Protein backbone atom coordinates (compact mmCIF):
# COMPACT_ATOMS: atom_id res chain seq x y z
CA UNK A 1 0.00 0.00 0.00
CA UNK A 2 1.37 3.38 -1.04
CA UNK A 3 -0.13 6.56 0.43
CA UNK A 4 0.46 10.31 0.30
CA UNK A 5 -0.94 12.31 3.22
CA UNK A 6 -1.39 16.04 2.77
CA UNK A 7 -0.25 17.89 5.89
CA UNK A 8 -0.85 21.56 5.07
CA UNK A 9 -2.79 21.88 8.35
CA UNK A 10 0.31 21.24 10.48
CA UNK A 11 1.73 24.27 12.27
CA UNK A 12 2.94 25.08 15.80
CA UNK A 13 -0.56 26.00 17.00
CA UNK A 14 -2.62 23.03 15.91
CA UNK A 15 -6.21 23.53 14.89
CA UNK A 16 -8.65 20.63 15.16
CA UNK A 17 -7.84 19.60 11.59
CA UNK A 18 -4.15 20.03 12.34
CA UNK A 19 -4.48 17.67 15.31
CA UNK A 20 -6.28 15.13 13.11
CA UNK A 21 -3.58 15.36 10.45
CA UNK A 22 -0.80 15.00 13.01
CA UNK A 23 -2.33 11.96 14.69
CA UNK A 24 -2.74 10.24 11.32
CA UNK A 25 0.79 11.20 10.26
CA UNK A 26 2.21 9.48 13.35
CA UNK A 27 0.20 6.28 12.97
CA UNK A 28 -0.78 5.24 9.47
CA UNK A 29 2.81 4.41 8.52
CA UNK A 30 2.77 1.63 11.14
CA UNK A 31 0.38 -0.50 9.06
CA UNK A 32 2.23 -3.72 8.17
CA UNK A 33 1.34 -3.47 4.48
CA UNK A 34 2.30 0.21 4.14
CA UNK A 35 5.18 0.09 1.67
CA UNK A 36 5.40 3.84 1.11
CA UNK A 37 4.09 6.83 3.05
CA UNK A 38 4.90 10.31 1.78
CA UNK A 39 3.94 13.67 3.25
CA UNK A 40 2.94 16.55 1.01
CA UNK A 41 2.51 20.22 1.79
CA UNK A 42 1.93 23.14 -0.56
CA UNK A 43 3.77 21.66 -3.52
CA UNK A 44 6.64 20.12 -1.57
CA UNK A 45 7.54 16.79 -0.05
CA UNK A 46 8.03 16.95 3.73
CA UNK A 47 10.43 14.44 5.22
CA UNK A 48 9.69 15.16 8.88
CA UNK A 49 6.15 16.37 9.68
CA UNK A 50 7.18 17.05 13.30
CA UNK A 51 9.39 19.90 12.08
CA UNK A 52 6.27 21.84 11.13
CA UNK A 53 5.14 21.84 14.75
CA UNK A 54 8.22 23.57 16.14
CA UNK A 55 9.64 25.71 13.37
CA UNK A 56 8.13 29.06 12.42
CA UNK A 57 6.09 28.68 9.24
CA UNK A 58 6.71 31.37 6.61
CA UNK A 59 3.63 33.46 6.02
CA UNK A 60 3.22 32.25 2.48
CA UNK A 61 3.00 28.69 3.77
CA UNK A 62 0.63 29.11 6.68
CA UNK A 63 -1.97 26.38 7.13
CA UNK A 64 -4.89 28.32 5.67
CA UNK A 65 -6.66 26.51 2.91
CA UNK A 66 -6.28 29.41 0.51
CA UNK A 67 -2.48 29.44 0.86
CA UNK A 68 -2.12 26.22 -1.01
CA UNK A 69 -5.18 26.60 -3.22
CA UNK A 70 -3.40 29.61 -4.73
CA UNK A 71 -0.96 27.12 -6.13
CA UNK A 72 -3.81 25.85 -8.35
CA UNK A 73 -1.76 26.54 -11.49
CA UNK A 74 -0.59 22.97 -11.07
CA UNK A 75 0.23 20.96 -7.99
CA UNK A 76 1.88 18.24 -10.04
CA UNK A 77 4.04 20.85 -11.81
CA UNK A 78 5.48 21.81 -8.45
CA UNK A 79 6.55 18.25 -7.75
CA UNK A 80 9.94 17.00 -8.84
CA UNK A 81 8.48 13.57 -9.47
CA UNK A 82 4.81 13.71 -10.45
CA UNK A 83 4.80 9.95 -11.05
CA UNK A 84 4.88 9.49 -7.28
CA UNK A 85 1.47 11.12 -7.10
CA UNK A 86 0.08 8.73 -9.68
CA UNK A 87 1.48 5.65 -7.97
CA UNK A 88 0.11 6.49 -4.51
CA UNK A 89 -3.32 6.90 -2.97
CA UNK A 90 -3.68 10.56 -2.00
CA UNK A 91 -5.51 11.50 1.20
CA UNK A 92 -6.50 15.12 1.70
CA UNK A 93 -7.51 15.39 5.38
CA UNK A 94 -8.53 19.03 4.96
CA UNK A 95 -11.37 19.00 2.39
CA UNK A 96 -9.34 19.23 -0.85
CA UNK A 97 -7.58 17.05 -3.41
CA UNK A 98 -5.07 18.31 -5.99
CA UNK A 99 -5.55 17.37 -9.66
CA UNK A 100 -2.86 14.69 -9.36
CA UNK A 101 -4.76 13.16 -6.45
CA UNK A 102 -7.52 11.82 -8.72
CA UNK A 103 -9.16 8.77 -7.18
CA UNK A 104 -8.04 9.65 -3.66
CA UNK A 105 -9.77 10.25 -0.35
CA UNK A 106 -10.85 13.51 1.24
CA UNK A 107 -12.01 14.14 4.77
CA UNK A 108 -14.95 16.52 5.07
CA UNK A 109 -15.10 17.55 8.70
CA UNK A 110 -18.28 19.58 8.42
CA UNK A 111 -20.28 21.72 5.99
CA UNK A 112 -20.20 24.94 8.01
CA UNK A 113 -18.96 26.90 4.99
CA UNK A 114 -22.24 26.06 3.31
CA UNK A 115 -24.58 25.76 6.31
CA UNK A 116 -23.32 28.82 8.18
CA UNK A 117 -21.60 30.99 5.57
CA UNK A 118 -22.01 34.05 7.77
CA UNK A 119 -19.41 32.59 10.12
CA UNK A 120 -16.67 32.48 7.47
CA UNK A 121 -14.71 35.21 5.70
CA UNK A 122 -15.73 36.03 2.15
CA UNK A 123 -12.41 34.84 0.76
CA UNK A 124 -12.86 31.37 2.22
CA UNK A 125 -16.40 31.17 0.85
CA UNK A 126 -15.17 32.02 -2.63
CA UNK A 127 -12.41 29.43 -2.43
CA UNK A 128 -14.75 26.68 -1.37
CA UNK A 129 -17.26 27.66 -4.01
CA UNK A 130 -14.61 27.42 -6.73
CA UNK A 131 -12.50 24.45 -5.63
CA UNK A 132 -14.44 22.20 -3.28
CA UNK A 133 -16.64 20.71 -5.98
CA UNK A 134 -13.57 19.97 -8.10
CA UNK A 135 -12.07 18.02 -5.21
CA UNK A 136 -15.34 16.15 -4.71
CA UNK A 137 -15.36 15.15 -8.37
CA UNK A 138 -11.81 13.81 -8.06
CA UNK A 139 -12.39 11.78 -4.90
CA UNK A 140 -13.15 8.08 -4.87
CA UNK A 141 -14.23 8.11 -1.23
CA UNK A 142 -15.05 10.49 1.60
CA UNK A 143 -14.39 10.41 5.34
CA UNK A 144 -16.43 12.25 7.95
CA UNK A 145 -15.90 12.51 11.70
CA UNK A 146 -19.35 11.32 12.77
CA UNK A 147 -22.39 9.44 11.49
CA UNK A 148 -24.42 12.64 11.71
CA UNK A 149 -22.02 14.39 9.38
CA UNK A 150 -21.81 11.31 7.15
CA UNK A 151 -25.54 11.47 6.43
CA UNK A 152 -25.39 15.23 5.98
CA UNK A 153 -22.49 15.08 3.52
CA UNK A 154 -24.07 12.28 1.49
CA UNK A 155 -27.30 14.24 1.21
CA UNK A 156 -25.64 17.56 0.44
CA UNK A 157 -23.36 16.13 -2.26
CA UNK A 158 -25.92 13.60 -3.59
CA UNK A 159 -23.57 10.71 -2.81
CA UNK A 160 -24.43 7.11 -2.17
CA UNK A 161 -23.80 6.41 1.51
CA UNK A 162 -21.47 3.59 0.50
CA UNK A 163 -18.98 6.25 -0.67
CA UNK A 164 -18.87 7.97 2.73
CA UNK A 165 -17.36 6.47 5.89
CA UNK A 166 -17.53 7.90 9.40
CA UNK A 167 -14.25 7.61 11.30
CA UNK A 168 -14.48 9.17 14.79
CA UNK A 169 -11.78 11.40 16.20
CA UNK A 170 -10.46 11.11 19.75
CA UNK A 171 -8.97 12.96 22.68
CA UNK A 172 -5.24 12.72 23.24
CA UNK A 173 -4.05 10.55 26.11
CA UNK A 174 -2.90 13.80 27.73
CA UNK A 175 -6.55 14.35 28.70
CA UNK A 176 -7.32 12.31 31.81
CA UNK A 177 -8.52 12.95 35.39
CA UNK A 178 -6.09 14.68 37.72
CA UNK A 179 -6.24 15.70 41.36
CA UNK A 180 -5.60 19.15 42.79
CA UNK A 181 -1.91 18.53 43.43
CA UNK A 182 -1.31 17.51 39.83
CA UNK A 183 -2.78 20.70 38.37
CA UNK A 184 -2.16 23.22 41.14
CA UNK A 185 1.01 24.86 39.82
CA UNK A 186 -0.44 25.34 36.34
CA UNK A 187 -3.73 26.71 37.64
CA UNK A 188 -1.91 29.15 39.90
CA UNK A 189 -0.25 30.72 36.87
CA UNK A 190 -3.72 31.54 35.57
CA UNK A 191 -4.99 32.67 38.96
CA UNK A 192 -7.38 29.70 39.14
CA UNK A 193 -8.38 27.28 41.89
CA UNK A 194 -9.08 23.58 41.45
CA UNK A 195 -12.82 23.02 40.82
CA UNK A 196 -13.25 26.78 41.12
CA UNK A 197 -14.18 27.67 37.55
CA UNK A 198 -16.05 26.49 34.46
CA UNK A 199 -14.37 26.14 31.09
CA UNK A 200 -15.32 26.69 27.47
CA UNK A 201 -12.74 25.79 24.81
CA UNK A 202 -13.92 27.24 21.54
CA UNK A 203 -13.13 29.66 18.78
CA UNK A 204 -15.19 32.78 19.37
CA UNK A 205 -17.47 32.86 16.33
CA UNK A 206 -21.24 33.03 15.80
CA UNK A 207 -22.07 29.32 15.42
CA UNK A 208 -20.26 28.56 18.69
CA UNK A 209 -22.94 30.62 20.50
CA UNK A 210 -20.51 32.29 22.86
CA UNK A 211 -22.81 35.31 23.12
CA UNK A 212 -25.63 33.11 24.37
CA UNK A 213 -23.26 31.42 26.82
CA UNK A 214 -22.19 34.77 28.24
CA UNK A 215 -25.79 35.93 28.59
CA UNK A 216 -26.74 32.68 30.33
CA UNK A 217 -23.78 32.99 32.71
CA UNK A 218 -24.75 36.58 33.43
CA UNK A 219 -28.23 35.30 34.36
CA UNK A 220 -26.88 32.90 37.00
CA UNK A 221 -27.33 33.85 40.66
CA UNK A 222 -24.46 36.09 41.80
CA UNK A 223 -23.27 33.51 44.33
CA UNK A 224 -22.96 30.87 41.57
CA UNK A 225 -21.10 33.24 39.25
CA UNK A 226 -18.74 34.25 42.03
CA UNK A 227 -17.94 30.67 43.00
CA UNK A 228 -17.50 29.41 39.42
CA UNK A 229 -16.40 32.15 37.00
CA UNK A 230 -16.36 31.16 33.34
CA UNK A 231 -13.03 30.79 31.53
CA UNK A 232 -13.15 31.01 27.73
CA UNK A 233 -10.10 29.86 25.80
CA UNK A 234 -9.50 29.52 22.07
CA UNK A 235 -8.92 31.61 18.99
CA UNK A 236 -10.54 35.03 18.81
CA UNK A 237 -12.27 34.21 15.52
CA UNK A 238 -15.06 36.69 15.06
CA UNK A 239 -14.68 38.53 18.36
CA UNK A 240 -17.46 40.97 17.55
CA UNK A 241 -18.05 44.20 19.40
CA UNK A 242 -21.11 42.75 21.16
CA UNK A 243 -19.16 39.72 22.40
CA UNK A 244 -16.18 41.86 23.38
CA UNK A 245 -18.41 44.29 25.29
CA UNK A 246 -20.09 41.45 27.18
CA UNK A 247 -16.71 39.86 27.92
CA UNK A 248 -15.37 43.15 29.20
CA UNK A 249 -18.44 43.73 31.36
CA UNK A 250 -18.24 40.21 32.79
CA UNK A 251 -14.51 40.58 33.42
CA UNK A 252 -15.07 43.79 35.38
CA UNK A 253 -17.73 42.02 37.44
CA UNK A 254 -15.48 38.99 37.93
CA UNK A 255 -17.64 36.25 36.35
CA UNK A 256 -15.80 35.69 33.06
CA UNK A 257 -12.25 35.81 31.69
CA UNK A 258 -11.05 35.35 28.14
CA UNK A 259 -7.79 33.42 28.29
CA UNK A 260 -7.14 33.48 24.56
CA UNK A 261 -4.98 30.75 23.06
CA UNK A 262 -3.62 28.46 25.79
CA UNK A 263 -0.35 26.54 25.22
CA UNK A 264 -0.98 22.92 24.30
CA UNK A 265 0.81 21.61 27.38
CA UNK A 266 -1.45 23.65 29.70
CA UNK A 267 -4.79 22.78 28.15
CA UNK A 268 -5.23 19.25 29.61
CA UNK A 269 -4.53 20.66 33.07
CA UNK A 270 -7.08 23.42 32.64
CA UNK A 271 -9.66 20.81 31.64
CA UNK A 272 -8.85 18.56 34.58
CA UNK A 273 -9.07 21.42 37.07
CA UNK A 274 -12.48 22.68 35.94
CA UNK A 275 -15.75 22.09 37.72
CA UNK A 276 -17.74 22.08 34.47
CA UNK A 277 -17.19 22.17 30.72
CA UNK A 278 -19.62 24.04 28.49
CA UNK A 279 -19.85 23.80 24.71
CA UNK A 280 -22.91 25.54 23.22
CA UNK A 281 -21.92 25.28 19.54
CA UNK A 282 -24.92 24.56 17.33
CA UNK A 283 -22.95 23.02 14.48
CA UNK A 284 -19.97 20.65 14.56
CA UNK A 285 -18.57 17.83 12.49
CA UNK A 286 -17.44 16.02 15.63
CA UNK A 287 -16.87 18.38 18.53
CA UNK A 288 -13.50 17.35 19.96
CA UNK A 289 -13.51 19.61 23.08
CA UNK A 290 -16.44 17.80 24.76
CA UNK A 291 -14.64 14.49 24.29
CA UNK A 292 -11.49 16.00 25.79
CA UNK A 293 -13.55 17.21 28.75
CA UNK A 294 -15.19 13.81 29.28
CA UNK A 295 -11.79 12.10 29.06
CA UNK A 296 -10.62 14.52 31.77
CA UNK A 297 -13.46 13.42 34.06
CA UNK A 298 -15.28 16.74 33.83
CA UNK A 299 -19.09 16.99 33.57
CA UNK A 300 -20.11 18.54 30.26
CA UNK A 301 -22.99 20.68 29.05
CA UNK A 302 -23.34 20.77 25.26
CA UNK A 303 -25.81 22.05 22.69
CA UNK A 304 -28.60 19.71 21.71
CA UNK A 305 -27.65 20.16 18.07
CA UNK A 306 -25.73 18.70 15.16
CA UNK A 307 -23.55 15.70 16.07
CA UNK A 308 -23.00 16.60 19.73
CA UNK A 309 -25.70 14.27 21.14
CA UNK A 310 -24.19 11.43 19.08
CA UNK A 311 -20.59 12.14 20.06
CA UNK A 312 -21.27 12.63 23.78
CA UNK A 313 -23.31 9.43 23.86
CA UNK A 314 -25.81 10.43 26.56
CA UNK A 315 -23.13 11.47 29.04
CA UNK A 316 -23.52 15.25 28.65
CA UNK A 317 -26.36 17.54 29.62
CA UNK A 318 -28.06 18.83 26.45
CA UNK A 319 -29.25 22.44 26.19
CA UNK A 320 -30.75 24.79 23.64
CA UNK A 321 -28.39 27.80 23.69
CA UNK A 322 -30.95 30.16 22.14
CA UNK A 323 -33.16 29.70 25.21
CA UNK A 324 -30.95 31.79 27.46
CA UNK A 325 -33.13 31.45 30.56
CA UNK A 326 -33.36 27.68 30.13
CA UNK A 327 -29.63 27.54 29.42
CA UNK A 328 -28.94 29.36 32.68
CA UNK A 329 -31.14 26.96 34.65
CA UNK A 330 -29.30 23.97 33.22
CA UNK A 331 -25.93 25.55 34.00
CA UNK A 332 -26.93 26.09 37.62
CA UNK A 333 -28.04 22.47 37.90
CA UNK A 334 -24.84 21.23 36.30
CA UNK A 335 -22.77 23.17 38.82
CA UNK A 336 -24.75 22.32 41.95
CA UNK A 337 -26.44 18.92 41.46
CA UNK A 338 -23.95 16.52 43.00
CA UNK A 339 -25.73 13.36 41.90
CA UNK A 340 -25.89 14.43 38.26
CA UNK A 341 -22.26 15.54 38.33
CA UNK A 342 -21.07 12.15 39.57
CA UNK A 343 -23.14 10.30 36.99
CA UNK A 344 -21.93 12.61 34.20
CA UNK A 345 -18.28 12.13 35.19
CA UNK A 346 -18.55 8.35 35.21
CA UNK A 347 -20.57 8.15 31.98
CA UNK A 348 -18.27 10.64 30.25
CA UNK A 349 -15.18 8.60 31.00
CA UNK A 350 -16.82 5.51 29.50
CA UNK A 351 -17.85 7.36 26.34
CA UNK A 352 -14.43 8.98 25.93
CA UNK A 353 -12.67 5.62 26.25
CA UNK A 354 -14.63 4.46 23.22
CA UNK A 355 -12.63 6.84 21.06
CA UNK A 356 -8.91 6.60 20.32
CA UNK A 357 -6.49 7.93 17.74
CA UNK A 358 -5.23 4.39 17.21
CA UNK A 359 -8.75 3.37 16.25
CA UNK A 360 -9.07 6.43 14.00
CA UNK A 361 -5.83 5.56 12.19
CA UNK A 362 -6.69 1.86 11.92
CA UNK A 363 -10.12 2.54 10.42
CA UNK A 364 -8.57 5.04 8.02
CA UNK A 365 -5.99 2.50 6.86
CA UNK A 366 -8.73 -0.12 6.48
CA UNK A 367 -10.50 2.31 4.16
CA UNK A 368 -7.31 2.82 2.13
CA UNK A 369 -7.14 -0.93 1.60
CA UNK A 370 -10.71 -1.09 0.34
CA UNK A 371 -10.22 1.53 -2.33
CA UNK A 372 -6.52 1.15 -3.18
């Protein structure tokens, strides 16, 4: 079996797709019948994918989809040996296939560009409109992160379900329960106390419903907000004036802090030290943060939308973020109901153990074999 994996999503600050690409890059080469595994990025062969995680990436090669789509004048022309492309199965884990990747596999993580276009920049919308369909036409098979997204993609692209396979993602083994002593020094650097805060790990953009989360937290009783302030960490995304104003107001009153992008080594400790994890996004292809929270032994509250009920497997409390008053009532229960919290912790650990990156890689390789 001969495979090329595109790794344009790898960079020092891994996105969700970057994490997926990295986990595959580390594992698929271990298949006993893998005779050749090559890594491709923006018209070049990459010998050591790990180098992309630690070395500064030149601006012209950042892991934005449009950086490498601009090389559309001919991916194969940029290769010193285009025959390699023709002799290997090409996997594009980030929505796209180059012309030389005809008959390959693409992973479609979600359809947010089409379902929620208002949450994406105009340039990205134009790029998907022009090049996504071309990649779909080239692909022999498609991977999604969940069964919910599998059905959605098949319907949206008018594909037979047999051409789409759901391969679940997973939390890293770095996410696991920890006691106060194990996280204390890290939490102290952020001015946090063990079990003394709630956590939301999410890009701040409209479909993540951060505005609704802030309004619901503001509606909590003052004693609850004071005991468990909300920490929001992740990329700024569309940090609109309304969200920024509400963040600033909450920060002045002491019930919310925006931590921004947290170093990868700190994030598992922030999860493990939280009293509650909240994820009100109304559209996801998988929703990795709730799985990371469950793997950390933290009760989770997630939106009753998209694939999140499937992925959390009955272990999380489901809410409708648009119902701010109802959202606030559920948050108060999730913070104060000891019986529910214990049940959610135990159930979450079981659900999270059902996912693994080894399983993800193995099922991906099995798919390669079927279509190679």
